[in-house]
Amino acid sequence: MNEYLKIIAQKAKLDDIIVKTHKSGNRQVTNRYSKWEMVCTHTARRSFATNMYKRGLSTLAIMQITGHTTDKSFMSYIKITKEENALMILEQFKQ
């Protein structure tokens, strides 16, 4: 499944460079990857949750799909910036 997701991501031209650094013993190792190389089922799950949240689907509905059991764990899981959150709140008040 992950191999197929990488093929899709590559065809979608997700070519941004991702730099990952980790320690190996006493030295620091830095690797560079194309974004498509990093895509996996977890990426798809997290993207789904974030995109559905941004579209206004209720957190309860998304949590039932993703399997999250608490609001706290769900909110730390999705990738929403403070600015995006503020804009979403503003949109709610406009309605």
PDB file of N, CA and C in Angstrom:
ATOM      1  N   MET A   1       0.824  -1.189   0.000  1.00  0.00           N
ATOM      2  CA  MET A   1       0.000   0.000   0.000  1.00  0.00           C
ATOM      3  C   MET A   1       0.873   1.260   0.000  1.00  0.00           C
ATOM      4  N   ASN A   2       1.904   1.254   0.849  1.00  0.00           N
ATOM      5  CA  ASN A   2       2.777   2.429   0.910  1.00  0.00           C
ATOM      6  C   ASN A   2       3.495   2.671  -0.416  1.00  0.00           C
ATOM      7  N   GLU A   3       3.873   1.611  -1.111  1.00  0.00           N
ATOM      8  CA  GLU A   3       4.528   1.775  -2.416  1.00  0.00           C
ATOM      9  C   GLU A   3       3.593   2.439  -3.416  1.00  0.00           C
ATOM     10  N   TYR A   4       2.317   2.039  -3.406  1.00  0.00           N
ATOM     11  CA  TYR A   4       1.342   2.653  -4.305  1.00  0.00           C
ATOM     12  C   TYR A   4       1.130   4.132  -3.968  1.00  0.00           C
ATOM     13  N   LEU A   5       1.078   4.450  -2.676  1.00  0.00           N
ATOM     14  CA  LEU A   5       0.925   5.846  -2.276  1.00  0.00           C
ATOM     15  C   LEU A   5       2.121   6.680  -2.738  1.00  0.00           C
ATOM     16  N   LYS A   6       3.312   6.120  -2.678  1.00  0.00           N
ATOM     17  CA  LYS A   6       4.504   6.834  -3.146  1.00  0.00           C
ATOM     18  C   LYS A   6       4.431   7.092  -4.658  1.00  0.00           C
ATOM     19  N   ILE A   7       3.933   6.126  -5.414  1.00  0.00           N
ATOM     20  CA  ILE A   7       3.773   6.303  -6.860  1.00  0.00           C
ATOM     21  C   ILE A   7       2.788   7.423  -7.148  1.00  0.00           C
ATOM     22  N   ILE A   8       1.670   7.434  -6.426  1.00  0.00           N
ATOM     23  CA  ILE A   8       0.666   8.487  -6.609  1.00  0.00           C
ATOM     24  C   ILE A   8       1.262   9.843  -6.254  1.00  0.00           C
ATOM     25  N   ALA A   9       1.973   9.911  -5.129  1.00  0.00           N
ATOM     26  CA  ALA A   9       2.580  11.176  -4.696  1.00  0.00           C
ATOM     27  C   ALA A   9       3.627  11.656  -5.686  1.00  0.00           C
ATOM     28  N   GLN A  10       4.381  10.733  -6.261  1.00  0.00           N
ATOM     29  CA  GLN A  10       5.390  11.104  -7.252  1.00  0.00           C
ATOM     30  C   GLN A  10       4.718  11.649  -8.508  1.00  0.00           C
ATOM     31  N   LYS A  11       3.640  10.989  -8.952  1.00  0.00           N
ATOM     32  CA  LYS A  11       2.914  11.464 -10.134  1.00  0.00           C
ATOM     33  C   LYS A  11       2.241  12.812  -9.875  1.00  0.00           C
ATOM     34  N   ALA A  12       1.905  13.073  -8.601  1.00  0.00           N
ATOM     35  CA  ALA A  12       1.315  14.360  -8.228  1.00  0.00           C
ATOM     36  C   ALA A  12       2.384  15.449  -8.094  1.00  0.00           C
ATOM     37  N   LYS A  13       3.636  15.064  -8.362  1.00  0.00           N
ATOM     38  CA  LYS A  13       4.767  15.995  -8.331  1.00  0.00           C
ATOM     39  C   LYS A  13       5.006  16.606  -6.944  1.00  0.00           C
ATOM     40  N   LEU A  14       4.913  15.767  -5.917  1.00  0.00           N
ATOM     41  CA  LEU A  14       5.252  16.217  -4.569  1.00  0.00           C
ATOM     42  C   LEU A  14       6.768  16.108  -4.434  1.00  0.00           C
ATOM     43  N   ASP A  15       7.467  17.081  -5.036  1.00  0.00           N
ATOM     44  CA  ASP A  15       8.918  17.025  -5.163  1.00  0.00           C
ATOM     45  C   ASP A  15       9.674  17.925  -4.189  1.00  0.00           C
ATOM     46  N   ASP A  16       8.960  18.605  -3.282  1.00  0.00           N
ATOM     47  CA  ASP A  16       9.660  19.446  -2.313  1.00  0.00           C
ATOM     48  C   ASP A  16      10.695  18.590  -1.578  1.00  0.00           C
ATOM     49  N   ILE A  17      11.779  19.213  -1.184  1.00  0.00           N
ATOM     50  CA  ILE A  17      12.832  18.502  -0.467  1.00  0.00           C
ATOM     51  C   ILE A  17      12.560  18.581   1.035  1.00  0.00           C
ATOM     52  N   ILE A  18      12.604  17.422   1.685  1.00  0.00           N
ATOM     53  CA  ILE A  18      12.433  17.317   3.130  1.00  0.00           C
ATOM     54  C   ILE A  18      13.797  16.971   3.723  1.00  0.00           C
ATOM     55  N   VAL A  19      14.213  17.717   4.729  1.00  0.00           N
ATOM     56  CA  VAL A  19      15.491  17.466   5.385  1.00  0.00           C
ATOM     57  C   VAL A  19      15.196  16.862   6.756  1.00  0.00           C
ATOM     58  N   LYS A  20      15.742  15.677   6.999  1.00  0.00           N
ATOM     59  CA  LYS A  20      15.556  14.994   8.279  1.00  0.00           C
ATOM     60  C   LYS A  20      16.923  14.808   8.924  1.00  0.00           C
ATOM     61  N   THR A  21      17.024  15.175  10.188  1.00  0.00           N
ATOM     62  CA  THR A  21      18.270  15.062  10.932  1.00  0.00           C
ATOM     63  C   THR A  21      18.032  14.185  12.155  1.00  0.00           C
ATOM     64  N   HIS A  22      18.947  13.276  12.409  1.00  0.00           N
ATOM     65  CA  HIS A  22      18.874  12.442  13.609  1.00  0.00           C
ATOM     66  C   HIS A  22      20.286  12.152  14.109  1.00  0.00           C
ATOM     67  N   LYS A  23      20.366  11.713  15.358  1.00  0.00           N
ATOM     68  CA  LYS A  23      21.664  11.379  15.944  1.00  0.00           C
ATOM     69  C   LYS A  23      21.940   9.905  15.735  1.00  0.00           C
ATOM     70  N   SER A  24      23.173   9.606  15.381  1.00  0.00           N
ATOM     71  CA  SER A  24      23.640   8.231  15.266  1.00  0.00           C
ATOM     72  C   SER A  24      24.929   8.148  16.060  1.00  0.00           C
ATOM     73  N   GLY A  25      24.814   7.629  17.271  1.00  0.00           N
ATOM     74  CA  GLY A  25      25.973   7.638  18.155  1.00  0.00           C
ATOM     75  C   GLY A  25      26.272   9.062  18.593  1.00  0.00           C
ATOM     76  N   ASN A  26      27.506   9.491  18.363  1.00  0.00           N
ATOM     77  CA  ASN A  26      27.899  10.857  18.732  1.00  0.00           C
ATOM     78  C   ASN A  26      27.786  11.843  17.583  1.00  0.00           C
ATOM     79  N   ARG A  27      27.365  11.376  16.433  1.00  0.00           N
ATOM     80  CA  ARG A  27      27.311  12.301  15.290  1.00  0.00           C
ATOM     81  C   ARG A  27      25.878  12.535  14.830  1.00  0.00           C
ATOM     82  N   GLN A  28      25.709  13.669  14.191  1.00  0.00           N
ATOM     83  CA  GLN A  28      24.408  14.048  13.665  1.00  0.00           C
ATOM     84  C   GLN A  28      24.376  13.715  12.178  1.00  0.00           C
ATOM     85  N   VAL A  29      23.327  13.011  11.742  1.00  0.00           N
ATOM     86  CA  VAL A  29      23.194  12.589  10.351  1.00  0.00           C
ATOM     87  C   VAL A  29      22.035  13.356   9.720  1.00  0.00           C
ATOM     88  N   THR A  30      22.278  13.947   8.556  1.00  0.00           N
ATOM     89  CA  THR A  30      21.251  14.685   7.836  1.00  0.00           C
ATOM     90  C   THR A  30      20.997  14.002   6.499  1.00  0.00           C
ATOM     91  N   ASN A  31      19.734  13.708   6.240  1.00  0.00           N
ATOM     92  CA  ASN A  31      19.330  13.113   4.967  1.00  0.00           C
ATOM     93  C   ASN A  31      18.313  14.009   4.284  1.00  0.00           C
ATOM     94  N   ARG A  32      18.329  13.975   2.960  1.00  0.00           N
ATOM     95  CA  ARG A  32      17.379  14.750   2.155  1.00  0.00           C
ATOM     96  C   ARG A  32      16.531  13.774   1.347  1.00  0.00           C
ATOM     97  N   TYR A  33      15.228  14.048   1.330  1.00  0.00           N
ATOM     98  CA  TYR A  33      14.288  13.205   0.599  1.00  0.00           C
ATOM     99  C   TYR A  33      13.339  14.082  -0.188  1.00  0.00           C
ATOM    100  N   SER A  34      12.851  13.569  -1.304  1.00  0.00           N
ATOM    101  CA  SER A  34      11.727  14.218  -1.971  1.00  0.00           C
ATOM    102  C   SER A  34      10.490  13.906  -1.148  1.00  0.00           C
ATOM    103  N   LYS A  35       9.555  14.840  -1.106  1.00  0.00           N
ATOM    104  CA  LYS A  35       8.367  14.652  -0.279  1.00  0.00           C
ATOM    105  C   LYS A  35       7.632  13.347  -0.619  1.00  0.00           C
ATOM    106  N   TRP A  36       7.587  12.992  -1.903  1.00  0.00           N
ATOM    107  CA  TRP A  36       6.867  11.779  -2.296  1.00  0.00           C
ATOM    108  C   TRP A  36       7.474  10.528  -1.656  1.00  0.00           C
ATOM    109  N   GLU A  37       8.769  10.560  -1.362  1.00  0.00           N
ATOM    110  CA  GLU A  37       9.420   9.406  -0.738  1.00  0.00           C
ATOM    111  C   GLU A  37       8.960   9.192   0.705  1.00  0.00           C
ATOM    112  N   MET A  38       8.431  10.228   1.326  1.00  0.00           N
ATOM    113  CA  MET A  38       8.047  10.170   2.730  1.00  0.00           C
ATOM    114  C   MET A  38       6.572   9.821   2.934  1.00  0.00           C
ATOM    115  N   VAL A  39       5.802   9.787   1.847  1.00  0.00           N
ATOM    116  CA  VAL A  39       4.367   9.523   1.961  1.00  0.00           C
ATOM    117  C   VAL A  39       4.123   8.062   2.332  1.00  0.00           C
ATOM    118  N   CYS A  40       3.185   7.856   3.266  1.00  0.00           N
ATOM    119  CA  CYS A  40       2.814   6.497   3.683  1.00  0.00           C
ATOM    120  C   CYS A  40       1.355   6.520   4.148  1.00  0.00           C
ATOM    121  N   THR A  41       0.851   5.391   4.589  1.00  0.00           N
ATOM    122  CA  THR A  41      -0.546   5.326   5.015  1.00  0.00           C
ATOM    123  C   THR A  41      -0.818   6.279   6.179  1.00  0.00           C
ATOM    124  N   HIS A  42       0.156   6.455   7.049  1.00  0.00           N
ATOM    125  CA  HIS A  42      -0.037   7.391   8.156  1.00  0.00           C
ATOM    126  C   HIS A  42      -0.191   8.815   7.640  1.00  0.00           C
ATOM    127  N   THR A  43       0.589   9.172   6.628  1.00  0.00           N
ATOM    128  CA  THR A  43       0.470  10.496   6.011  1.00  0.00           C
ATOM    129  C   THR A  43      -0.935  10.681   5.436  1.00  0.00           C
ATOM    130  N   ALA A  44      -1.429   9.648   4.768  1.00  0.00           N
ATOM    131  CA  ALA A  44      -2.764   9.716   4.167  1.00  0.00           C
ATOM    132  C   ALA A  44      -3.833   9.874   5.247  1.00  0.00           C
ATOM    133  N   ARG A  45      -3.698   9.134   6.337  1.00  0.00           N
ATOM    134  CA  ARG A  45      -4.670   9.216   7.438  1.00  0.00           C
ATOM    135  C   ARG A  45      -4.663  10.614   8.052  1.00  0.00           C
ATOM    136  N   ARG A  46      -3.472  11.134   8.294  1.00  0.00           N
ATOM    137  CA  ARG A  46      -3.359  12.458   8.909  1.00  0.00           C
ATOM    138  C   ARG A  46      -3.873  13.545   7.961  1.00  0.00           C
ATOM    139  N   SER A  47      -3.543  13.435   6.678  1.00  0.00           N
ATOM    140  CA  SER A  47      -4.020  14.415   5.697  1.00  0.00           C
ATOM    141  C   SER A  47      -5.535  14.382   5.589  1.00  0.00           C
ATOM    142  N   PHE A  48      -6.105  13.174   5.570  1.00  0.00           N
ATOM    143  CA  PHE A  48      -7.561  13.047   5.528  1.00  0.00           C
ATOM    144  C   PHE A  48      -8.189  13.765   6.717  1.00  0.00           C
ATOM    145  N   ALA A  49      -7.694  13.481   7.914  1.00  0.00           N
ATOM    146  CA  ALA A  49      -8.261  14.085   9.120  1.00  0.00           C
ATOM    147  C   ALA A  49      -8.152  15.609   9.076  1.00  0.00           C
ATOM    148  N   THR A  50      -6.995  16.107   8.677  1.00  0.00           N
ATOM    149  CA  THR A  50      -6.786  17.557   8.611  1.00  0.00           C
ATOM    150  C   THR A  50      -7.688  18.195   7.560  1.00  0.00           C
ATOM    151  N   ASN A  51      -7.744  17.624   6.371  1.00  0.00           N
ATOM    152  CA  ASN A  51      -8.552  18.205   5.294  1.00  0.00           C
ATOM    153  C   ASN A  51     -10.038  18.182   5.612  1.00  0.00           C
ATOM    154  N   MET A  52     -10.526  17.103   6.217  1.00  0.00           N
ATOM    155  CA  MET A  52     -11.946  17.035   6.583  1.00  0.00           C
ATOM    156  C   MET A  52     -12.268  18.045   7.684  1.00  0.00           C
ATOM    157  N   TYR A  53     -11.355  18.228   8.615  1.00  0.00           N
ATOM    158  CA  TYR A  53     -11.543  19.228   9.666  1.00  0.00           C
ATOM    159  C   TYR A  53     -11.619  20.626   9.047  1.00  0.00           C
ATOM    160  N   LYS A  54     -10.725  20.909   8.104  1.00  0.00           N
ATOM    161  CA  LYS A  54     -10.726  22.218   7.440  1.00  0.00           C
ATOM    162  C   LYS A  54     -11.998  22.448   6.639  1.00  0.00           C
ATOM    163  N   ARG A  55     -12.600  21.381   6.133  1.00  0.00           N
ATOM    164  CA  ARG A  55     -13.850  21.495   5.374  1.00  0.00           C
ATOM    165  C   ARG A  55     -15.071  21.640   6.267  1.00  0.00           C
ATOM    166  N   GLY A  56     -14.864  21.498   7.566  1.00  0.00           N
ATOM    167  CA  GLY A  56     -15.963  21.713   8.495  1.00  0.00           C
ATOM    168  C   GLY A  56     -16.678  20.466   8.965  1.00  0.00           C
ATOM    169  N   LEU A  57     -16.193  19.280   8.593  1.00  0.00           N
ATOM    170  CA  LEU A  57     -16.793  18.051   9.103  1.00  0.00           C
ATOM    171  C   LEU A  57     -16.575  18.009  10.612  1.00  0.00           C
ATOM    172  N   SER A  58     -17.558  17.549  11.333  1.00  0.00           N
ATOM    173  CA  SER A  58     -17.449  17.562  12.803  1.00  0.00           C
ATOM    174  C   SER A  58     -16.298  16.682  13.267  1.00  0.00           C
ATOM    175  N   THR A  59     -15.670  17.103  14.364  1.00  0.00           N
ATOM    176  CA  THR A  59     -14.565  16.320  14.897  1.00  0.00           C
ATOM    177  C   THR A  59     -15.034  14.927  15.302  1.00  0.00           C
ATOM    178  N   LEU A  60     -16.266  14.824  15.808  1.00  0.00           N
ATOM    179  CA  LEU A  60     -16.789  13.516  16.208  1.00  0.00           C
ATOM    180  C   LEU A  60     -16.864  12.566  15.014  1.00  0.00           C
ATOM    181  N   ALA A  61     -17.347  13.069  13.872  1.00  0.00           N
ATOM    182  CA  ALA A  61     -17.439  12.235  12.670  1.00  0.00           C
ATOM    183  C   ALA A  61     -16.060  11.801  12.198  1.00  0.00           C
ATOM    184  N   ILE A  62     -15.103  12.719  12.201  1.00  0.00           N
ATOM    185  CA  ILE A  62     -13.742  12.389  11.758  1.00  0.00           C
ATOM    186  C   ILE A  62     -13.111  11.393  12.730  1.00  0.00           C
ATOM    187  N   MET A  63     -13.304  11.601  14.020  1.00  0.00           N
ATOM    188  CA  MET A  63     -12.734  10.715  15.027  1.00  0.00           C
ATOM    189  C   MET A  63     -13.292   9.299  14.913  1.00  0.00           C
ATOM    190  N   GLN A  64     -14.540   9.173  14.514  1.00  0.00           N
ATOM    191  CA  GLN A  64     -15.115   7.844  14.322  1.00  0.00           C
ATOM    192  C   GLN A  64     -14.430   7.126  13.163  1.00  0.00           C
ATOM    193  N   ILE A  65     -14.018   7.865  12.158  1.00  0.00           N
ATOM    194  CA  ILE A  65     -13.332   7.271  11.009  1.00  0.00           C
ATOM    195  C   ILE A  65     -11.879   6.952  11.344  1.00  0.00           C
ATOM    196  N   THR A  66     -11.195   7.894  12.013  1.00  0.00           N
ATOM    197  CA  THR A  66      -9.764   7.714  12.278  1.00  0.00           C
ATOM    198  C   THR A  66      -9.474   6.855  13.507  1.00  0.00           C
ATOM    199  N   GLY A  67     -10.466   6.689  14.373  1.00  0.00           N
ATOM    200  CA  GLY A  67     -10.271   5.858  15.554  1.00  0.00           C
ATOM    201  C   GLY A  67      -9.759   6.608  16.769  1.00  0.00           C
ATOM    202  N   HIS A  68      -9.707   7.937  16.708  1.00  0.00           N
ATOM    203  CA  HIS A  68      -9.288   8.707  17.879  1.00  0.00           C
ATOM    204  C   HIS A  68     -10.384   8.637  18.942  1.00  0.00           C
ATOM    205  N   THR A  69      -9.990   8.576  20.198  1.00  0.00           N
ATOM    206  CA  THR A  69     -10.978   8.438  21.268  1.00  0.00           C
ATOM    207  C   THR A  69     -11.162   9.700  22.097  1.00  0.00           C
ATOM    208  N   THR A  70     -10.225  10.648  22.005  1.00  0.00           N
ATOM    209  CA  THR A  70     -10.383  11.896  22.757  1.00  0.00           C
ATOM    210  C   THR A  70     -10.142  13.093  21.846  1.00  0.00           C
ATOM    211  N   ASP A  71     -10.831  14.190  22.176  1.00  0.00           N
ATOM    212  CA  ASP A  71     -10.619  15.433  21.427  1.00  0.00           C
ATOM    213  C   ASP A  71      -9.169  15.879  21.514  1.00  0.00           C
ATOM    214  N   LYS A  72      -8.575  15.715  22.692  1.00  0.00           N
ATOM    215  CA  LYS A  72      -7.191  16.154  22.892  1.00  0.00           C
ATOM    216  C   LYS A  72      -6.243  15.424  21.948  1.00  0.00           C
ATOM    217  N   SER A  73      -6.378  14.105  21.842  1.00  0.00           N
ATOM    218  CA  SER A  73      -5.481  13.354  20.959  1.00  0.00           C
ATOM    219  C   SER A  73      -5.753  13.709  19.498  1.00  0.00           C
ATOM    220  N   PHE A  74      -7.014  13.922  19.147  1.00  0.00           N
ATOM    221  CA  PHE A  74      -7.354  14.281  17.771  1.00  0.00           C
ATOM    222  C   PHE A  74      -6.788  15.650  17.398  1.00  0.00           C
ATOM    223  N   MET A  75      -6.964  16.630  18.272  1.00  0.00           N
ATOM    224  CA  MET A  75      -6.508  17.988  17.958  1.00  0.00           C
ATOM    225  C   MET A  75      -4.985  18.059  17.870  1.00  0.00           C
ATOM    226  N   SER A  76      -4.279  17.219  18.611  1.00  0.00           N
ATOM    227  CA  SER A  76      -2.818  17.224  18.491  1.00  0.00           C
ATOM    228  C   SER A  76      -2.379  16.465  17.238  1.00  0.00           C
ATOM    229  N   TYR A  77      -3.268  15.659  16.685  1.00  0.00           N
ATOM    230  CA  TYR A  77      -2.958  14.840  15.519  1.00  0.00           C
ATOM    231  C   TYR A  77      -3.063  15.613  14.213  1.00  0.00           C
ATOM    232  N   ILE A  78      -4.098  16.450  14.098  1.00  0.00           N
ATOM    233  CA  ILE A  78      -4.292  17.186  12.846  1.00  0.00           C
ATOM    234  C   ILE A  78      -3.273  18.323  12.754  1.00  0.00           C
ATOM    235  N   LYS A  79      -3.024  18.742  11.529  1.00  0.00           N
ATOM    236  CA  LYS A  79      -2.036  19.794  11.288  1.00  0.00           C
ATOM    237  C   LYS A  79      -2.757  21.092  10.917  1.00  0.00           C
ATOM    238  N   ILE A  80      -3.091  21.895  11.923  1.00  0.00           N
ATOM    239  CA  ILE A  80      -3.759  23.172  11.714  1.00  0.00           C
ATOM    240  C   ILE A  80      -2.901  24.250  12.359  1.00  0.00           C
ATOM    241  N   THR A  81      -2.559  25.269  11.581  1.00  0.00           N
ATOM    242  CA  THR A  81      -1.799  26.374  12.149  1.00  0.00           C
ATOM    243  C   THR A  81      -2.737  27.278  12.952  1.00  0.00           C
ATOM    244  N   LYS A  82      -2.177  28.104  13.785  1.00  0.00           N
ATOM    245  CA  LYS A  82      -2.983  29.052  14.559  1.00  0.00           C
ATOM    246  C   LYS A  82      -3.752  29.977  13.633  1.00  0.00           C
ATOM    247  N   GLU A  83      -3.112  30.372  12.522  1.00  0.00           N
ATOM    248  CA  GLU A  83      -3.765  31.261  11.556  1.00  0.00           C
ATOM    249  C   GLU A  83      -4.953  30.564  10.898  1.00  0.00           C
ATOM    250  N   GLU A  84      -4.767  29.287  10.506  1.00  0.00           N
ATOM    251  CA  GLU A  84      -5.869  28.536   9.894  1.00  0.00           C
ATOM    252  C   GLU A  84      -7.022  28.374  10.874  1.00  0.00           C
ATOM    253  N   ASN A  85      -6.698  28.104  12.132  1.00  0.00           N
ATOM    254  CA  ASN A  85      -7.726  27.955  13.145  1.00  0.00           C
ATOM    255  C   ASN A  85      -8.494  29.264  13.328  1.00  0.00           C
ATOM    256  N   ALA A  86      -7.781  30.380  13.366  1.00  0.00           N
ATOM    257  CA  ALA A  86      -8.426  31.688  13.519  1.00  0.00           C
ATOM    258  C   ALA A  86      -9.353  31.977  12.341  1.00  0.00           C
ATOM    259  N   LEU A  87      -8.916  31.661  11.126  1.00  0.00           N
ATOM    260  CA  LEU A  87      -9.761  31.883   9.949  1.00  0.00           C
ATOM    261  C   LEU A  87     -11.007  30.999   9.977  1.00  0.00           C
ATOM    262  N   MET A  88     -10.866  29.767  10.439  1.00  0.00           N
ATOM    263  CA  MET A  88     -12.017  28.875  10.535  1.00  0.00           C
ATOM    264  C   MET A  88     -13.035  29.408  11.558  1.00  0.00           C
ATOM    265  N   ILE A  89     -12.553  29.926  12.676  1.00  0.00           N
ATOM    266  CA  ILE A  89     -13.438  30.494  13.683  1.00  0.00           C
ATOM    267  C   ILE A  89     -14.143  31.720  13.116  1.00  0.00           C
ATOM    268  N   LEU A  90     -13.406  32.563  12.414  1.00  0.00           N
ATOM    269  CA  LEU A  90     -13.987  33.746  11.780  1.00  0.00           C
ATOM    270  C   LEU A  90     -15.094  33.362  10.812  1.00  0.00           C
ATOM    271  N   GLU A  91     -14.877  32.326  10.015  1.00  0.00           N
ATOM    272  CA  GLU A  91     -15.891  31.848   9.061  1.00  0.00           C
ATOM    273  C   GLU A  91     -17.151  31.384   9.788  1.00  0.00           C
ATOM    274  N   GLN A  92     -16.992  30.744  10.938  1.00  0.00           N
ATOM    275  CA  GLN A  92     -18.147  30.272  11.714  1.00  0.00           C
ATOM    276  C   GLN A  92     -19.003  31.458  12.174  1.00  0.00           C
ATOM    277  N   PHE A  93     -18.346  32.556  12.539  1.00  0.00           N
ATOM    278  CA  PHE A  93     -19.095  33.726  12.997  1.00  0.00           C
ATOM    279  C   PHE A  93     -19.795  34.445  11.853  1.00  0.00           C
ATOM    280  N   LYS A  94     -19.289  34.309  10.639  1.00  0.00           N
ATOM    281  CA  LYS A  94     -19.904  34.956   9.483  1.00  0.00           C
ATOM    282  C   LYS A  94     -21.232  34.288   9.107  1.00  0.00           C
ATOM    283  N   GLN A  95     -21.346  32.998   9.454  1.00  0.00           N
ATOM    284  CA  GLN A  95     -22.551  32.246   9.060  1.00  0.00           C
ATOM    285  C   GLN A  95     -23.674  32.562   9.949  1.00  0.00           C
TER     286      GLN A  95
END
